[in-house]
Amino acid sequence: MMEMLRPLGDVISRSMFGGYGVFEAGDMFALVSADTLYFKADDSNRARYEDAGSAQFKPMPYWEVPAEVLDREDDVEEWARLSIDAAHAAPRKKRRTRKKK
């Protein structure tokens, strides 16, 4: 699945959630679980997924990429870029610090 995301430039993957997360500039914009690709969605692009009948990776804001999108490289890139925009726009979570004993 990473191969279809190569046109996006410097994206990396990291194991998590029993699958892996996909990051661009430090922000996670996609995840792969059980051989299914999910892209991050927010108010700017969520309707695309809902209109396509995609399933959400609950409780997270990631939605299954529709099969018809996966069939076309240009569509994958377009949907991924919107997902990257959503990831960059999301508020950063504060890192938890460990208490010293």
Foldseek 3Di string as FASTA:
>chain_A
DVVLVVVVPDKDWDDDPCWIFIDDPRFTAWTADPNFIWGADDPVCVVVQVVLVWDAPPPGRITTDDPVQVVDSVSVNVVSVNSNVVRVPDDDDDDDDDDDD
